[in-house]
Amino acid sequence: MIEETDISDLVVVTPRVFGDDRGAFCETYNQEALARHGIFTTFVQDNQSWSKEAGTVRGLHFQAPPSAQAKLVRVVSGEIWDVAVDIRTGSPTFGQHVGVTLSSENGRQLLVPAGFLHGFVTRTRDTVVAYKCSATYAPAAEGAVRFDDPDLGIDWGIDPSDAMLSVKDTAAGRFADLTSPFSWEGAS
């Protein structure tokens, strides 16, 4: 099932689950099924993160063209609040965000197109997040914005001073200082 969000091109994908007495089975990715919904992203790299503690924040990140990444994010174990922020200049939703609860129990996935900041906070200990990327990791193309930037106003569900951050995320810049390398296709 594909659910539209309040931001164009940002969708929630919920695979069909088949259960019986043994447990359950689902396809976590099917390129043909996505194409039937107009999603033609080709993924070339799979990533997985493990976060030991609840309150671990990863993001807000992006990769600039020509290494821009779309991501299909899912939770293997645990639960996260997953957030995407539109940074496509000219977009009517520029600077706006959508947050979605993804968990191993609900099976939901967030498809984050290129042109968005992406990040998440873990809500449980020992959370494992897996995501597909449409481009390989390119350190020279990466960018970041502070997860707690006041201009974005994202409610992460935790006190920002309690967030567990990497050194890189602690040093991330302000949204107001971002020169986005993305433009909205609908811009005239």
C-alpha atoms as a PDB file:
ATOM      1  CA  MET A   1       0.000   0.000   0.000  1.00  0.00           C
ATOM      2  CA  ILE A   2       1.233   3.486  -0.899  1.00  0.00           C
ATOM      3  CA  GLU A   3       0.119   6.458   1.246  1.00  0.00           C
ATOM      4  CA  GLU A   4       0.611  10.028   0.084  1.00  0.00           C
ATOM      5  CA  THR A   5       1.896  12.546   2.644  1.00  0.00           C
ATOM      6  CA  ASP A   6       1.403  16.303   2.880  1.00  0.00           C
ATOM      7  CA  ILE A   7       4.540  16.787   0.755  1.00  0.00           C
ATOM      8  CA  SER A   8       4.553  15.751  -2.905  1.00  0.00           C
ATOM      9  CA  ASP A   9       6.763  12.787  -3.829  1.00  0.00           C
ATOM     10  CA  LEU A  10       7.236  11.761  -0.172  1.00  0.00           C
ATOM     11  CA  VAL A  11       5.278   8.546   0.426  1.00  0.00           C
ATOM     12  CA  VAL A  12       4.792   5.826   3.027  1.00  0.00           C
ATOM     13  CA  VAL A  13       5.022   2.273   1.735  1.00  0.00           C
ATOM     14  CA  THR A  14       3.409  -0.528   3.762  1.00  0.00           C
ATOM     15  CA  PRO A  15       4.106  -4.006   2.397  1.00  0.00           C
ATOM     16  CA  ARG A  16       1.430  -6.662   2.640  1.00  0.00           C
ATOM     17  CA  VAL A  17       2.115  -9.150   5.433  1.00  0.00           C
ATOM     18  CA  PHE A  18       1.128 -12.813   5.217  1.00  0.00           C
ATOM     19  CA  GLY A  19       0.891 -14.493   8.606  1.00  0.00           C
ATOM     20  CA  ASP A  20       0.151 -17.958   9.876  1.00  0.00           C
ATOM     21  CA  ASP A  21       0.933 -20.100  12.927  1.00  0.00           C
ATOM     22  CA  ARG A  22       4.655 -20.041  12.108  1.00  0.00           C
ATOM     23  CA  GLY A  23       4.935 -16.241  11.999  1.00  0.00           C
ATOM     24  CA  ALA A  24       4.826 -13.887   9.027  1.00  0.00           C
ATOM     25  CA  PHE A  25       6.308 -13.091   5.617  1.00  0.00           C
ATOM     26  CA  CYS A  26       6.409  -9.915   3.516  1.00  0.00           C
ATOM     27  CA  GLU A  27       8.234  -8.484   0.536  1.00  0.00           C
ATOM     28  CA  THR A  28      10.119  -5.457   1.811  1.00  0.00           C
ATOM     29  CA  TYR A  29      10.911  -4.255  -1.713  1.00  0.00           C
ATOM     30  CA  ASN A  30       9.395  -4.939  -5.119  1.00  0.00           C
ATOM     31  CA  GLN A  31      10.490  -2.685  -7.974  1.00  0.00           C
ATOM     32  CA  GLU A  32       7.572  -3.676 -10.221  1.00  0.00           C
ATOM     33  CA  ALA A  33       4.979  -2.964  -7.512  1.00  0.00           C
ATOM     34  CA  LEU A  34       6.451   0.514  -6.919  1.00  0.00           C
ATOM     35  CA  ALA A  35       6.531   1.205 -10.666  1.00  0.00           C
ATOM     36  CA  ARG A  36       2.786   0.479 -10.836  1.00  0.00           C
ATOM     37  CA  HIS A  37       2.436   3.464  -8.461  1.00  0.00           C
ATOM     38  CA  GLY A  38       4.672   5.708 -10.577  1.00  0.00           C
ATOM     39  CA  ILE A  39       7.821   5.194  -8.479  1.00  0.00           C
ATOM     40  CA  PHE A  40      10.772   4.369 -10.723  1.00  0.00           C
ATOM     41  CA  THR A  41      13.708   4.844  -8.343  1.00  0.00           C
ATOM     42  CA  THR A  42      16.592   2.446  -8.876  1.00  0.00           C
ATOM     43  CA  PHE A  43      18.414   1.509  -5.688  1.00  0.00           C
ATOM     44  CA  VAL A  44      22.140   0.679  -5.768  1.00  0.00           C
ATOM     45  CA  GLN A  45      23.222   0.427  -2.117  1.00  0.00           C
ATOM     46  CA  ASP A  46      21.756  -1.034   1.083  1.00  0.00           C
ATOM     47  CA  ASN A  47      22.714   0.433   4.475  1.00  0.00           C
ATOM     48  CA  GLN A  48      21.941  -0.662   8.009  1.00  0.00           C
ATOM     49  CA  SER A  49      22.435   1.116  11.325  1.00  0.00           C
ATOM     50  CA  TRP A  50      22.235  -0.187  14.863  1.00  0.00           C
ATOM     51  CA  SER A  51      21.540   2.240  17.679  1.00  0.00           C
ATOM     52  CA  LYS A  52      22.207   1.011  21.178  1.00  0.00           C
ATOM     53  CA  GLU A  53      20.102   3.555  23.074  1.00  0.00           C
ATOM     54  CA  ALA A  54      16.695   5.190  22.708  1.00  0.00           C
ATOM     55  CA  GLY A  55      17.135   8.885  21.924  1.00  0.00           C
ATOM     56  CA  THR A  56      19.857   8.347  19.331  1.00  0.00           C
ATOM     57  CA  VAL A  57      19.469  10.899  16.530  1.00  0.00           C
ATOM     58  CA  ARG A  58      20.917  10.343  13.059  1.00  0.00           C
ATOM     59  CA  GLY A  59      20.481  13.303  10.745  1.00  0.00           C
ATOM     60  CA  LEU A  60      19.404  15.553   9.210  1.00  0.00           C
ATOM     61  CA  HIS A  61      21.472  14.518   6.145  1.00  0.00           C
ATOM     62  CA  PHE A  62      21.496  14.785   2.354  1.00  0.00           C
ATOM     63  CA  GLN A  63      23.847  14.148  -0.553  1.00  0.00           C
ATOM     64  CA  ALA A  64      24.110  16.781  -3.289  1.00  0.00           C
ATOM     65  CA  PRO A  65      23.908  16.058  -7.026  1.00  0.00           C
ATOM     66  CA  PRO A  66      25.332  14.260  -8.875  1.00  0.00           C
ATOM     67  CA  SER A  67      25.402  11.880  -5.902  1.00  0.00           C
ATOM     68  CA  ALA A  68      21.922  12.758  -4.582  1.00  0.00           C
ATOM     69  CA  GLN A  69      20.234   9.881  -2.810  1.00  0.00           C
ATOM     70  CA  ALA A  70      16.645   8.758  -2.588  1.00  0.00           C
ATOM     71  CA  LYS A  71      16.128   6.400   0.370  1.00  0.00           C
ATOM     72  CA  LEU A  72      13.624   3.688   1.220  1.00  0.00           C
ATOM     73  CA  VAL A  73      13.802   3.414   5.020  1.00  0.00           C
ATOM     74  CA  ARG A  74      12.485   0.577   7.214  1.00  0.00           C
ATOM     75  CA  VAL A  75      13.003  -0.713  10.735  1.00  0.00           C
ATOM     76  CA  VAL A  76      14.223  -4.266  11.251  1.00  0.00           C
ATOM     77  CA  SER A  77      14.077  -4.139  15.047  1.00  0.00           C
ATOM     78  CA  GLY A  78      12.674  -1.462  17.352  1.00  0.00           C
ATOM     79  CA  GLU A  79      11.003   1.850  16.521  1.00  0.00           C
ATOM     80  CA  ILE A  80      11.971   5.267  15.160  1.00  0.00           C
ATOM     81  CA  TRP A  81      10.428   8.664  14.431  1.00  0.00           C
ATOM     82  CA  ASP A  82      11.556   9.172  10.835  1.00  0.00           C
ATOM     83  CA  VAL A  83      11.634  12.712   9.417  1.00  0.00           C
ATOM     84  CA  ALA A  84      12.086  14.170   5.932  1.00  0.00           C
ATOM     85  CA  VAL A  85      12.392  17.908   5.217  1.00  0.00           C
ATOM     86  CA  ASP A  86      11.759  19.355   1.751  1.00  0.00           C
ATOM     87  CA  ILE A  87      14.810  21.357   0.602  1.00  0.00           C
ATOM     88  CA  ARG A  88      13.834  21.692  -3.070  1.00  0.00           C
ATOM     89  CA  THR A  89      14.023  25.416  -3.858  1.00  0.00           C
ATOM     90  CA  GLY A  90      10.810  26.655  -5.442  1.00  0.00           C
ATOM     91  CA  SER A  91       8.753  23.891  -3.842  1.00  0.00           C
ATOM     92  CA  PRO A  92       5.515  25.053  -2.197  1.00  0.00           C
ATOM     93  CA  THR A  93       6.521  22.899   0.794  1.00  0.00           C
ATOM     94  CA  PHE A  94      10.161  24.082   1.020  1.00  0.00           C
ATOM     95  CA  GLY A  95      11.317  23.841   4.642  1.00  0.00           C
ATOM     96  CA  GLN A  96       8.326  21.760   5.704  1.00  0.00           C
ATOM     97  CA  HIS A  97       8.680  18.275   7.135  1.00  0.00           C
ATOM     98  CA  VAL A  98       6.803  15.025   7.552  1.00  0.00           C
ATOM     99  CA  GLY A  99       7.411  12.621  10.411  1.00  0.00           C
ATOM    100  CA  VAL A 100       6.326   8.984  10.481  1.00  0.00           C
ATOM    101  CA  THR A 101       6.603   6.248  13.095  1.00  0.00           C
ATOM    102  CA  LEU A 102       8.384   3.265  11.578  1.00  0.00           C
ATOM    103  CA  SER A 103       8.730   0.062  13.561  1.00  0.00           C
ATOM    104  CA  SER A 104       9.397  -3.618  13.146  1.00  0.00           C
ATOM    105  CA  GLU A 105       5.792  -4.153  14.246  1.00  0.00           C
ATOM    106  CA  ASN A 106       3.999  -1.778  11.834  1.00  0.00           C
ATOM    107  CA  GLY A 107       6.232  -2.643   8.846  1.00  0.00           C
ATOM    108  CA  ARG A 108       5.848   0.856   7.360  1.00  0.00           C
ATOM    109  CA  GLN A 109       8.600   2.328   5.200  1.00  0.00           C
ATOM    110  CA  LEU A 110       9.318   5.925   4.221  1.00  0.00           C
ATOM    111  CA  LEU A 111      10.364   6.649   0.642  1.00  0.00           C
ATOM    112  CA  VAL A 112      12.469   9.818   0.820  1.00  0.00           C
ATOM    113  CA  PRO A 113      13.243  11.248  -2.633  1.00  0.00           C
ATOM    114  CA  ALA A 114      16.411  13.166  -3.448  1.00  0.00           C
ATOM    115  CA  GLY A 115      15.924  16.797  -2.464  1.00  0.00           C
ATOM    116  CA  PHE A 116      15.065  16.122   1.170  1.00  0.00           C
ATOM    117  CA  LEU A 117      16.928  16.207   4.439  1.00  0.00           C
ATOM    118  CA  HIS A 118      16.488  12.906   6.255  1.00  0.00           C
ATOM    119  CA  GLY A 119      16.934  11.873   9.859  1.00  0.00           C
ATOM    120  CA  PHE A 120      15.453   9.815  12.656  1.00  0.00           C
ATOM    121  CA  VAL A 121      15.406   9.367  16.407  1.00  0.00           C
ATOM    122  CA  THR A 122      15.266   5.940  18.002  1.00  0.00           C
ATOM    123  CA  ARG A 123      12.402   5.330  20.391  1.00  0.00           C
ATOM    124  CA  THR A 124      13.663   1.979  21.672  1.00  0.00           C
ATOM    125  CA  ARG A 125      16.978   0.438  22.663  1.00  0.00           C
ATOM    126  CA  ASP A 126      18.767  -1.779  20.153  1.00  0.00           C
ATOM    127  CA  THR A 127      17.042  -0.328  17.101  1.00  0.00           C
ATOM    128  CA  VAL A 128      18.115  -1.593  13.688  1.00  0.00           C
ATOM    129  CA  VAL A 129      17.268   0.536  10.641  1.00  0.00           C
ATOM    130  CA  ALA A 130      17.818  -0.639   7.053  1.00  0.00           C
ATOM    131  CA  TYR A 131      17.544   1.569   4.013  1.00  0.00           C
ATOM    132  CA  LYS A 132      18.069   1.388   0.304  1.00  0.00           C
ATOM    133  CA  CYS A 133      19.863   4.262  -1.463  1.00  0.00           C
ATOM    134  CA  SER A 134      19.678   5.333  -5.095  1.00  0.00           C
ATOM    135  CA  ALA A 135      23.345   6.443  -5.149  1.00  0.00           C
ATOM    136  CA  THR A 136      26.443   5.215  -3.367  1.00  0.00           C
ATOM    137  CA  TYR A 137      27.880   7.106  -0.432  1.00  0.00           C
ATOM    138  CA  ALA A 138      29.956  10.103  -1.544  1.00  0.00           C
ATOM    139  CA  PRO A 139      31.582  11.952   1.381  1.00  0.00           C
ATOM    140  CA  ALA A 140      32.353  15.039  -0.729  1.00  0.00           C
ATOM    141  CA  ALA A 141      28.639  15.400  -1.581  1.00  0.00           C
ATOM    142  CA  GLU A 142      27.216  15.094   1.924  1.00  0.00           C
ATOM    143  CA  GLY A 143      25.526  17.890   3.804  1.00  0.00           C
ATOM    144  CA  ALA A 144      23.712  18.235   7.094  1.00  0.00           C
ATOM    145  CA  VAL A 145      21.446  20.541   9.068  1.00  0.00           C
ATOM    146  CA  ARG A 146      21.010  20.500  12.854  1.00  0.00           C
ATOM    147  CA  PHE A 147      18.206  18.175  13.896  1.00  0.00           C
ATOM    148  CA  ASP A 148      17.000  20.732  16.460  1.00  0.00           C
ATOM    149  CA  ASP A 149      17.119  23.776  14.187  1.00  0.00           C
ATOM    150  CA  PRO A 150      14.483  26.229  15.475  1.00  0.00           C
ATOM    151  CA  ASP A 151      13.531  27.299  11.932  1.00  0.00           C
ATOM    152  CA  LEU A 152      12.387  23.742  11.178  1.00  0.00           C
ATOM    153  CA  GLY A 153      10.462  23.273  14.428  1.00  0.00           C
ATOM    154  CA  ILE A 154      10.578  19.478  14.382  1.00  0.00           C
ATOM    155  CA  ASP A 155       9.193  17.792  17.494  1.00  0.00           C
ATOM    156  CA  TRP A 156      11.456  14.793  17.974  1.00  0.00           C
ATOM    157  CA  GLY A 157       9.663  13.654  21.108  1.00  0.00           C
ATOM    158  CA  ILE A 158      12.800  14.078  23.228  1.00  0.00           C
ATOM    159  CA  ASP A 159      14.577  16.913  24.971  1.00  0.00           C
ATOM    160  CA  PRO A 160      17.222  18.003  22.425  1.00  0.00           C
ATOM    161  CA  SER A 161      19.838  18.163  25.197  1.00  0.00           C
ATOM    162  CA  ASP A 162      19.290  14.414  25.794  1.00  0.00           C
ATOM    163  CA  ALA A 163      19.866  13.434  22.141  1.00  0.00           C
ATOM    164  CA  MET A 164      22.758  11.093  21.417  1.00  0.00           C
ATOM    165  CA  LEU A 165      24.536  12.598  18.394  1.00  0.00           C
ATOM    166  CA  SER A 166      27.620  11.900  16.318  1.00  0.00           C
ATOM    167  CA  VAL A 167      30.381  14.510  16.221  1.00  0.00           C
ATOM    168  CA  LYS A 168      29.367  15.295  12.632  1.00  0.00           C
ATOM    169  CA  ASP A 169      25.706  15.858  13.543  1.00  0.00           C
ATOM    170  CA  THR A 170      26.671  18.029  16.518  1.00  0.00           C
ATOM    171  CA  ALA A 171      28.630  20.279  14.120  1.00  0.00           C
ATOM    172  CA  ALA A 172      25.844  20.480  11.486  1.00  0.00           C
ATOM    173  CA  GLY A 173      24.862  23.940  10.272  1.00  0.00           C
ATOM    174  CA  ARG A 174      21.663  25.949  10.508  1.00  0.00           C
ATOM    175  CA  PHE A 175      18.805  25.614   8.031  1.00  0.00           C
ATOM    176  CA  ALA A 176      18.916  29.390   7.393  1.00  0.00           C
ATOM    177  CA  ASP A 177      22.517  29.015   6.172  1.00  0.00           C
ATOM    178  CA  LEU A 178      21.759  26.126   3.797  1.00  0.00           C
ATOM    179  CA  THR A 179      22.182  26.787   0.093  1.00  0.00           C
ATOM    180  CA  SER A 180      20.147  23.936  -1.308  1.00  0.00           C
ATOM    181  CA  PRO A 181      21.557  22.170  -4.371  1.00  0.00           C
ATOM    182  CA  PHE A 182      18.032  20.963  -5.277  1.00  0.00           C
ATOM    183  CA  SER A 183      15.207  22.611  -7.170  1.00  0.00           C
ATOM    184  CA  TRP A 184      11.605  21.590  -7.436  1.00  0.00           C
ATOM    185  CA  GLU A 185      10.610  20.262 -10.873  1.00  0.00           C
ATOM    186  CA  GLY A 186       7.282  22.110 -10.652  1.00  0.00           C
ATOM    187  CA  ALA A 187       9.028  25.486 -10.243  1.00  0.00           C
ATOM    188  CA  SER A 188       8.559  27.817 -13.179  1.00  0.00           C
END
